[in-house]
Amino acid sequence: MTYQENLSATAFVNFVVNRSCGNATIIKLPGGCTEEALEYVANECPRLKGLVVGSYNEFIKSIIVKFISKWKNLEMLRLGKCHLKEIIPEIGLHCNNFIWLSAPYTYIRKDEASALVSSLSELKYLDLHGGDFEKEALVMILQGYKQLVHLDISQSFGFDDDDAEILELASHIPTFKCEGSIITPDWLDDDYIDHDDFVYDSSFFD
């Protein structure tokens, strides 16, 4: 990322915010967004209800926790793969109207599941498709959320999409997606790898 590209992303975000006169309620951050631009959104858009952070905005995802407290009216957040344990408590503490979270391709262990259920008890829409789950963590989520109306955990790892226990626990959710989910990816399964296809060259390790 060059200085010119960073400057352009920051200038674009500032332009959008200024055009809204600080009244923007939904913002999608462009790739290459800077901390300066995010801070400007935090300071100038106190009425923000929805924020979309692109999957490749890794830097922004790592610092967004510092600005959550600015958005008291935040209702929805799309982050892509991220460290939920750091962000969820801040959302629960400052955003009383929060009901929609999208964090696909994220690792979901018992710590993340516990943080979700305890900090975001009013969540109604949860998108964790493509995630890497501990089954126990998924069970915690399904048992802890009785008011979910939408849960997407399709194409995920850690459980099968025909798991009877999971399907039973999710039966109360009007829109539940788990298609394509499997316990272990094929490329991690020893039975999937034909070791005879490999030619080992010891010089590779020199």
Protein backbone atom coordinates (compact mmCIF):
# COMPACT_ATOMS: atom_id res chain seq x y z
CA MET A 1 0.00 0.00 0.00
CA THR A 2 1.53 3.30 -1.09
CA TYR A 3 1.20 6.66 0.61
CA GLN A 4 -0.86 7.87 -2.37
CA GLU A 5 -3.33 4.97 -2.00
CA ASN A 6 -3.64 5.52 1.76
CA LEU A 7 -4.24 9.23 1.21
CA SER A 8 -6.92 8.50 -1.40
CA ALA A 9 -8.79 6.09 0.89
CA THR A 10 -8.68 8.59 3.75
CA ALA A 11 -9.79 11.44 1.50
CA PHE A 12 -12.67 9.35 0.13
CA VAL A 13 -13.95 8.44 3.60
CA ASN A 14 -13.68 12.05 4.75
CA PHE A 15 -15.55 13.19 1.63
CA VAL A 16 -18.42 10.76 2.25
CA VAL A 17 -18.68 11.72 5.91
CA ASN A 18 -18.62 15.44 5.10
CA ARG A 19 -21.31 15.03 2.43
CA SER A 20 -23.54 13.42 5.03
CA CYS A 21 -22.98 16.34 7.41
CA GLY A 22 -22.23 13.77 10.10
CA ASN A 23 -25.62 12.11 9.66
CA ALA A 24 -24.44 8.92 7.93
CA THR A 25 -26.04 5.86 9.51
CA ILE A 26 -24.39 3.13 7.40
CA ILE A 27 -20.80 3.22 6.14
CA LYS A 28 -18.78 0.67 4.18
CA LEU A 29 -15.07 1.31 4.57
CA PRO A 30 -12.94 0.99 1.42
CA GLY A 31 -9.83 -1.17 1.19
CA GLY A 32 -6.73 0.59 2.45
CA CYS A 33 -8.68 2.58 5.00
CA THR A 34 -6.43 4.25 7.58
CA GLU A 35 -6.71 4.77 11.31
CA GLU A 36 -7.08 8.47 10.60
CA ALA A 37 -10.14 7.81 8.45
CA LEU A 38 -11.71 5.46 11.00
CA GLU A 39 -11.16 7.99 13.76
CA TYR A 40 -12.82 10.65 11.61
CA VAL A 41 -15.87 8.39 11.16
CA ALA A 42 -15.94 7.73 14.91
CA ASN A 43 -15.83 11.42 15.79
CA GLU A 44 -18.09 12.77 13.06
CA CYS A 45 -20.75 10.05 12.80
CA PRO A 46 -22.12 9.49 16.32
CA ARG A 47 -25.45 8.28 14.88
CA LEU A 48 -23.85 5.40 12.98
CA LYS A 49 -26.01 2.27 12.96
CA GLY A 50 -24.18 0.03 10.50
CA LEU A 51 -20.49 -0.42 9.69
CA VAL A 52 -19.00 -2.75 7.08
CA VAL A 53 -15.28 -3.47 7.21
CA GLY A 54 -13.97 -5.32 4.16
CA SER A 55 -12.41 -8.75 4.59
CA TYR A 56 -8.99 -7.45 3.62
CA ASN A 57 -8.96 -4.45 5.95
CA GLU A 58 -6.80 -6.35 8.45
CA PHE A 59 -5.32 -3.21 10.02
CA ILE A 60 -8.72 -1.63 10.62
CA LYS A 61 -10.06 -4.84 12.17
CA SER A 62 -7.15 -4.81 14.60
CA ILE A 63 -7.83 -1.26 15.87
CA ILE A 64 -11.60 -0.88 15.56
CA VAL A 65 -12.05 -1.91 19.19
CA LYS A 66 -10.68 1.52 20.19
CA PHE A 67 -13.60 3.31 18.53
CA ILE A 68 -16.63 1.14 19.37
CA SER A 69 -17.48 3.32 22.37
CA LYS A 70 -18.16 6.26 20.00
CA TRP A 71 -21.11 4.51 18.33
CA LYS A 72 -23.81 4.18 20.96
CA ASN A 73 -26.46 3.54 18.28
CA LEU A 74 -24.57 0.81 16.41
CA GLU A 75 -26.89 -2.03 15.43
CA MET A 76 -24.91 -3.99 12.86
CA LEU A 77 -21.26 -4.75 12.14
CA ARG A 78 -19.63 -6.81 9.41
CA LEU A 79 -15.97 -7.57 10.02
CA GLY A 80 -14.81 -10.69 8.24
CA LYS A 81 -12.24 -12.86 10.00
CA CYS A 82 -11.23 -11.21 13.25
CA HIS A 83 -10.47 -11.67 16.96
CA LEU A 84 -13.97 -11.57 18.38
CA LYS A 85 -12.88 -11.92 22.01
CA GLU A 86 -11.48 -8.38 21.93
CA ILE A 87 -14.37 -6.70 20.14
CA ILE A 88 -17.50 -8.35 21.56
CA PRO A 89 -17.21 -7.04 25.16
CA GLU A 90 -16.85 -3.47 23.87
CA ILE A 91 -19.96 -3.82 21.71
CA GLY A 92 -21.89 -5.27 24.63
CA LEU A 93 -20.78 -2.46 26.91
CA HIS A 94 -21.49 0.51 24.61
CA CYS A 95 -24.02 -0.54 21.94
CA ASN A 96 -27.36 -1.34 23.58
CA ASN A 97 -29.24 -1.67 20.27
CA PHE A 98 -26.82 -4.12 18.66
CA ILE A 99 -28.59 -7.04 16.93
CA TRP A 100 -26.57 -8.02 13.80
CA LEU A 101 -23.02 -9.40 13.60
CA SER A 102 -21.21 -10.83 10.61
CA ALA A 103 -17.73 -12.30 11.13
CA PRO A 104 -17.21 -15.05 8.54
CA TYR A 105 -14.10 -17.26 8.44
CA THR A 106 -13.43 -16.68 12.13
CA TYR A 107 -12.14 -19.14 14.73
CA ILE A 108 -14.91 -19.89 17.21
CA ARG A 109 -13.77 -21.58 20.38
CA LYS A 110 -15.47 -21.70 23.80
CA ASP A 111 -14.02 -18.33 24.79
CA GLU A 112 -15.56 -16.64 21.74
CA ALA A 113 -18.88 -18.43 22.24
CA SER A 114 -19.01 -17.42 25.89
CA ALA A 115 -18.25 -13.81 25.01
CA LEU A 116 -21.00 -13.77 22.39
CA VAL A 117 -23.70 -15.21 24.63
CA SER A 118 -22.80 -13.16 27.69
CA SER A 119 -22.07 -9.80 26.04
CA LEU A 120 -24.50 -9.75 23.10
CA SER A 121 -27.55 -11.35 24.63
CA GLU A 122 -30.00 -9.52 22.33
CA LEU A 123 -28.37 -10.60 19.07
CA LYS A 124 -30.87 -11.63 16.39
CA TYR A 125 -28.74 -12.05 13.24
CA LEU A 126 -25.42 -13.91 13.34
CA ASP A 127 -23.31 -14.77 10.31
CA LEU A 128 -20.28 -16.98 11.00
CA HIS A 129 -20.18 -18.86 7.71
CA GLY A 130 -16.87 -20.42 6.76
CA GLY A 131 -15.85 -20.48 10.43
CA ASP A 132 -13.60 -22.93 12.24
CA PHE A 133 -15.62 -24.19 15.21
CA GLU A 134 -15.16 -26.27 18.29
CA LYS A 135 -18.39 -28.21 18.37
CA GLU A 136 -18.76 -27.41 22.08
CA ALA A 137 -18.58 -23.71 21.22
CA LEU A 138 -21.34 -24.05 18.64
CA VAL A 139 -23.50 -25.90 21.17
CA MET A 140 -22.96 -23.03 23.62
CA ILE A 141 -24.15 -20.53 21.01
CA LEU A 142 -27.23 -22.56 20.09
CA GLN A 143 -28.18 -23.13 23.73
CA GLY A 144 -27.47 -19.54 24.75
CA TYR A 145 -29.41 -17.78 21.99
CA LYS A 146 -33.13 -18.44 21.98
CA GLN A 147 -34.09 -15.25 20.14
CA LEU A 148 -31.93 -15.66 17.02
CA VAL A 149 -33.92 -15.35 13.79
CA HIS A 150 -30.97 -15.90 11.45
CA LEU A 151 -27.82 -18.00 11.90
CA ASP A 152 -25.46 -18.80 9.02
CA ILE A 153 -22.72 -21.34 9.79
CA SER A 154 -22.60 -22.86 6.32
CA GLN A 155 -19.34 -24.06 4.72
CA SER A 156 -17.73 -24.27 8.15
CA PHE A 157 -15.39 -26.74 9.84
CA GLY A 158 -15.77 -28.56 13.15
CA PHE A 159 -19.15 -30.27 12.66
CA ASP A 160 -21.13 -32.01 9.94
CA ASP A 161 -24.13 -30.33 8.35
CA ASP A 162 -26.26 -33.39 9.18
CA ASP A 163 -25.26 -33.55 12.86
CA ALA A 164 -28.48 -34.51 14.65
CA GLU A 165 -27.59 -32.69 17.87
CA ILE A 166 -26.83 -29.43 16.05
CA LEU A 167 -29.97 -29.63 13.93
CA GLU A 168 -32.12 -30.24 17.00
CA LEU A 169 -30.58 -27.35 18.95
CA ALA A 170 -31.07 -25.04 15.95
CA SER A 171 -34.67 -26.09 15.27
CA HIS A 172 -36.05 -22.92 16.90
CA ILE A 173 -34.16 -20.59 14.52
CA PRO A 174 -36.35 -19.51 11.56
CA THR A 175 -33.42 -19.15 9.17
CA PHE A 176 -30.63 -21.61 9.89
CA LYS A 177 -27.91 -22.37 7.33
CA CYS A 178 -25.30 -25.07 7.82
CA GLU A 179 -25.01 -26.56 4.34
CA GLY A 180 -21.56 -27.75 3.31
CA SER A 181 -20.12 -27.84 6.82
CA ILE A 182 -17.81 -30.74 7.68
CA ILE A 183 -15.83 -31.87 10.72
CA THR A 184 -12.42 -31.85 9.04
CA PRO A 185 -11.32 -30.28 5.74
CA ASP A 186 -10.34 -32.89 3.13
CA TRP A 187 -6.83 -31.51 2.90
CA LEU A 188 -6.26 -32.29 6.61
CA ASP A 189 -7.51 -35.86 6.31
CA ASP A 190 -4.69 -38.43 6.06
CA ASP A 191 -6.96 -40.63 3.95
CA TYR A 192 -7.22 -37.80 1.42
CA ILE A 193 -3.45 -37.53 0.98
CA ASP A 194 -1.74 -40.14 -1.18
CA HIS A 195 1.79 -40.07 0.16
CA ASP A 196 3.01 -42.04 -2.85
CA ASP A 197 2.34 -38.96 -4.94
CA PHE A 198 5.05 -37.01 -3.12
CA VAL A 199 8.67 -36.95 -4.19
CA TYR A 200 10.82 -36.00 -1.23
CA ASP A 201 14.01 -34.09 -1.95
CA SER A 202 16.24 -33.76 1.08
CA SER A 203 17.97 -30.74 -0.44
CA PHE A 204 14.73 -28.77 0.07
CA PHE A 205 15.40 -28.76 3.80
CA ASP A 206 19.10 -27.77 3.55
